[in-house]
Protein backbone atom coordinates (compact mmCIF):
# COMPACT_ATOMS: atom_id res chain seq x y z
CA GLU A 1 -7.31 -35.07 -6.42
CA VAL A 2 -7.01 -31.29 -6.08
CA PRO A 3 -4.59 -29.69 -8.54
CA PRO A 4 -1.71 -27.81 -6.89
CA GLU A 5 -1.96 -24.06 -6.68
CA PRO A 6 0.34 -22.17 -9.06
CA ALA A 7 3.40 -20.54 -7.52
CA MET A 8 2.96 -17.01 -6.19
CA ARG A 9 3.84 -14.40 -8.75
CA LYS A 10 6.72 -12.11 -7.81
CA GLY A 11 8.25 -9.10 -9.48
CA PRO A 12 6.70 -6.05 -11.10
CA TRP A 13 2.94 -5.70 -11.20
CA THR A 14 1.22 -5.53 -14.57
CA VAL A 15 -1.38 -2.94 -15.51
CA GLU A 16 -3.95 -5.75 -15.69
CA GLU A 17 -3.16 -6.86 -12.12
CA ASP A 18 -3.49 -3.26 -10.93
CA HIS A 19 -6.93 -3.02 -12.57
CA VAL A 20 -8.05 -6.30 -10.99
CA LEU A 21 -6.92 -5.14 -7.54
CA VAL A 22 -8.49 -1.67 -7.83
CA ASN A 23 -11.78 -3.07 -9.16
CA TYR A 24 -11.94 -5.76 -6.49
CA ILE A 25 -11.33 -3.26 -3.69
CA ALA A 26 -13.90 -0.87 -5.18
CA ALA A 27 -16.49 -3.65 -5.13
CA HIS A 28 -15.59 -5.40 -1.86
CA GLY A 29 -13.39 -3.06 0.18
CA ASP A 30 -9.87 -3.62 1.47
CA GLY A 31 -8.63 -5.70 4.37
CA ALA A 32 -8.22 -9.46 4.93
CA TRP A 33 -5.48 -9.27 2.33
CA ASN A 34 -4.75 -12.99 2.00
CA ASN A 35 -8.42 -13.69 1.33
CA LEU A 36 -8.62 -10.73 -1.03
CA ALA A 37 -5.65 -11.94 -3.08
CA ARG A 38 -7.22 -15.39 -3.39
CA ALA A 39 -10.73 -14.13 -4.15
CA ALA A 40 -9.49 -11.69 -6.78
CA SER A 41 -7.46 -14.50 -8.42
CA LEU A 42 -4.33 -12.37 -8.40
CA ASN A 43 -1.84 -15.15 -7.65
CA ARG A 44 0.00 -12.66 -5.40
CA SER A 45 0.56 -12.77 -1.67
CA GLY A 46 -1.76 -10.79 0.58
CA LYS A 47 1.22 -8.72 1.69
CA SER A 48 2.06 -7.83 -1.90
CA CYS A 49 -1.55 -6.78 -2.56
CA ARG A 50 -1.65 -4.68 0.62
CA LEU A 51 1.60 -2.90 -0.17
CA ARG A 52 0.60 -2.28 -3.79
CA TRP A 53 -2.69 -0.76 -2.66
CA LEU A 54 -1.31 1.35 0.18
CA ASN A 55 1.80 2.64 -1.57
CA TYR A 56 0.71 3.03 -5.20
CA LEU A 57 -2.95 2.50 -6.06
CA ARG A 58 -4.93 4.08 -3.24
CA PRO A 59 -6.70 7.21 -4.57
CA ASP A 60 -5.48 9.45 -1.73
CA VAL A 61 -1.78 8.62 -2.16
CA ARG A 62 0.00 11.91 -2.82
CA ARG A 63 2.66 12.14 -5.47
CA GLY A 64 5.28 14.79 -6.01
CA ASN A 65 7.31 17.11 -3.84
CA MET A 66 6.50 18.24 -0.34
CA THR A 67 5.26 21.76 0.18
CA ALA A 68 7.44 24.35 1.91
CA GLU A 69 5.08 24.18 4.93
CA GLU A 70 5.47 20.39 5.15
CA GLN A 71 9.25 20.66 4.98
CA GLU A 72 9.26 23.34 7.69
CA ARG A 73 7.03 21.19 9.92
CA ILE A 74 9.41 18.26 9.56
CA VAL A 75 12.39 20.46 10.48
CA GLN A 76 10.51 21.77 13.55
CA LEU A 77 9.53 18.30 14.73
CA GLN A 78 13.02 16.92 14.17
CA ALA A 79 14.51 19.84 16.12
CA ARG A 80 12.10 19.18 18.97
CA TRP A 81 12.07 15.38 19.12
CA GLY A 82 15.16 14.30 17.18
CA ASN A 83 14.65 11.04 15.35
CA LYS A 84 11.99 9.68 17.70
CA TYR A 85 9.49 8.85 14.99
CA THR A 86 6.57 8.03 17.29
CA HIS A 87 6.71 11.47 18.93
CA SER A 88 7.08 13.27 15.61
CA ILE A 89 4.18 11.54 13.92
CA SER A 90 1.82 12.01 16.86
CA GLN A 91 2.53 15.76 16.88
CA SER A 92 1.72 16.32 13.18
């Protein structure tokens, strides 16, 4: 008889989980998030792993305030296209 899998962990990520995810992605790459979560033994959902990587752990994630140029570009695009996100993002 196969033992049941433990319940998915929810809530804040620990530093140890962050290290496991970063090291696993460094060794194997990202993508196939459900398989990655299982293979890395994180006991998190694939969606949770993907969001943690994309929004917090990825090396090229920028932190801090926008530059004056970025703010001006946003104002220009909003003036031109309004709140039509798909137009604005394709023009950046």
